[in-house]
Amino acid sequence: MSTLITDECINCGVCEPECPNEAIDDGTKGGIDFYWIDPDLCTECVGFHGEEACQEVCPVDCCIPNEEHVEGEEILLAKAVKIHADQTFPTMDELTNETSLFRNPDRKNASL
């Protein structure tokens, strides 16, 4: 499932540069005045990190699972591969708790 930013966001911007997919926008794309996450670009950091980078750095914990956009690990990895066609990613069998929150036994929000 992708992540969304709630209205508790304080617009500090600390999350935006952490996203490996540039899925976080400060509102300029949509003509709004708050940060948001494009669910078509969000991969929950699968293939990159063991936790979602935005959640790790958010000082007010406003990056939460988007229950309206549920996706599994395989779909999220395929999305990352498509977005970053010039990069090499681990296969599903090679993913670890360092590269997928689905493999992390202490995961916060991963859904299988």
Protein backbone atom coordinates (compact mmCIF):
# COMPACT_ATOMS: atom_id res chain seq x y z
CA MET A 1 0.00 0.00 0.00
CA SER A 2 1.29 3.42 -0.70
CA THR A 3 1.77 6.05 1.95
CA LEU A 4 -0.12 9.29 2.43
CA ILE A 5 0.57 12.46 4.36
CA THR A 6 -2.15 13.47 6.79
CA ASP A 7 -3.30 16.98 7.62
CA GLU A 8 -1.10 16.83 10.73
CA CYS A 9 1.79 17.66 8.37
CA ILE A 10 3.67 20.78 9.46
CA ASN A 11 5.13 21.34 5.95
CA CYS A 12 8.69 21.06 7.21
CA GLY A 13 9.77 19.32 3.99
CA VAL A 14 12.17 16.89 5.66
CA CYS A 15 10.51 13.93 3.91
CA GLU A 16 10.72 15.15 0.33
CA PRO A 17 14.46 14.63 -0.32
CA GLU A 18 14.37 11.22 1.39
CA CYS A 19 11.99 9.64 -1.12
CA PRO A 20 13.93 7.49 -3.61
CA ASN A 21 11.11 7.83 -6.15
CA GLU A 22 10.46 11.57 -5.90
CA ALA A 23 6.87 10.66 -4.99
CA ILE A 24 6.57 13.44 -2.42
CA ASP A 25 5.55 16.84 -3.72
CA ASP A 26 5.31 20.13 -1.86
CA GLY A 27 2.02 20.90 -3.55
CA THR A 28 3.37 22.80 -6.54
CA LYS A 29 2.35 20.05 -8.99
CA GLY A 30 -1.24 20.06 -7.85
CA GLY A 31 -1.58 23.72 -6.98
CA ILE A 32 -2.10 22.96 -3.30
CA ASP A 33 -0.30 24.29 -0.25
CA PHE A 34 0.72 21.09 1.52
CA TYR A 35 2.90 18.04 0.97
CA TRP A 36 1.38 14.94 -0.59
CA ILE A 37 2.52 11.57 -1.91
CA ASP A 38 1.74 10.38 -5.43
CA PRO A 39 0.52 6.78 -4.96
CA ASP A 40 1.60 5.93 -8.50
CA LEU A 41 5.21 6.65 -7.53
CA CYS A 42 5.23 5.41 -3.92
CA THR A 43 6.82 1.98 -3.50
CA GLU A 44 6.99 2.01 0.31
CA CYS A 45 10.76 2.13 -0.35
CA VAL A 46 10.75 -1.56 -1.39
CA GLY A 47 14.05 -2.24 -3.13
CA PHE A 48 15.70 0.66 -1.32
CA HIS A 49 15.15 0.54 2.45
CA GLY A 50 13.81 -1.71 5.18
CA GLU A 51 11.42 1.02 6.33
CA GLU A 52 9.67 3.84 4.56
CA ALA A 53 12.10 6.75 4.48
CA CYS A 54 9.38 9.38 4.88
CA GLN A 55 8.06 7.71 8.03
CA GLU A 56 11.54 7.43 9.49
CA VAL A 57 12.26 11.16 9.22
CA CYS A 58 8.84 12.70 9.85
CA PRO A 59 8.89 14.62 13.15
CA VAL A 60 5.10 14.44 13.60
CA ASP A 61 4.43 10.89 12.32
CA CYS A 62 2.00 12.03 9.64
CA CYS A 63 3.17 9.60 6.93
CA ILE A 64 0.74 6.71 7.24
CA PRO A 65 -0.49 3.78 5.12
CA ASN A 66 -2.94 4.74 2.41
CA GLU A 67 -5.71 2.20 2.97
CA GLU A 68 -7.27 3.16 -0.37
CA HIS A 69 -4.17 2.13 -2.33
CA VAL A 70 -3.12 -1.34 -1.16
CA GLU A 71 -0.24 -3.05 -2.99
CA GLY A 72 1.90 -6.05 -2.10
CA GLU A 73 5.66 -6.41 -2.09
CA GLU A 74 5.89 -7.91 -5.58
CA ILE A 75 3.86 -5.09 -7.15
CA LEU A 76 5.85 -2.44 -5.28
CA LEU A 77 9.17 -3.93 -6.38
CA ALA A 78 7.97 -4.08 -9.99
CA LYS A 79 6.92 -0.43 -9.74
CA ALA A 80 10.39 0.53 -8.43
CA VAL A 81 12.05 -1.36 -11.28
CA LYS A 82 9.84 0.44 -13.80
CA ILE A 83 10.43 3.89 -12.27
CA HIS A 84 14.20 3.33 -12.10
CA ALA A 85 14.78 1.34 -15.30
CA ASP A 86 18.45 2.36 -15.29
CA GLN A 87 19.13 0.79 -11.86
CA THR A 88 19.62 -2.79 -10.73
CA PHE A 89 17.32 -4.13 -8.02
CA PRO A 90 17.30 -7.31 -6.01
CA THR A 91 14.90 -10.02 -7.14
CA MET A 92 12.00 -11.03 -4.90
CA ASP A 93 14.17 -13.87 -3.55
CA GLU A 94 17.02 -11.46 -2.84
CA LEU A 95 15.02 -8.89 -0.87
CA THR A 96 16.00 -8.67 2.80
CA ASN A 97 14.94 -6.70 5.84
CA GLU A 98 17.38 -4.04 4.61
CA THR A 99 15.58 -3.60 1.28
CA SER A 100 11.93 -4.33 2.06
CA LEU A 101 9.77 -3.57 5.04
CA PHE A 102 7.82 -6.72 4.19
CA ARG A 103 10.90 -8.70 5.31
CA ASN A 104 11.28 -6.73 8.53
CA PRO A 105 9.86 -8.65 11.51
CA ASP A 106 9.32 -5.35 13.33
CA ARG A 107 7.65 -3.67 10.36
CA LYS A 108 5.22 -0.89 11.12
CA ASN A 109 2.87 -0.84 8.17
CA ALA A 110 3.65 -3.53 5.64
CA SER A 111 0.74 -5.60 4.47
CA LEU A 112 1.26 -8.95 2.80
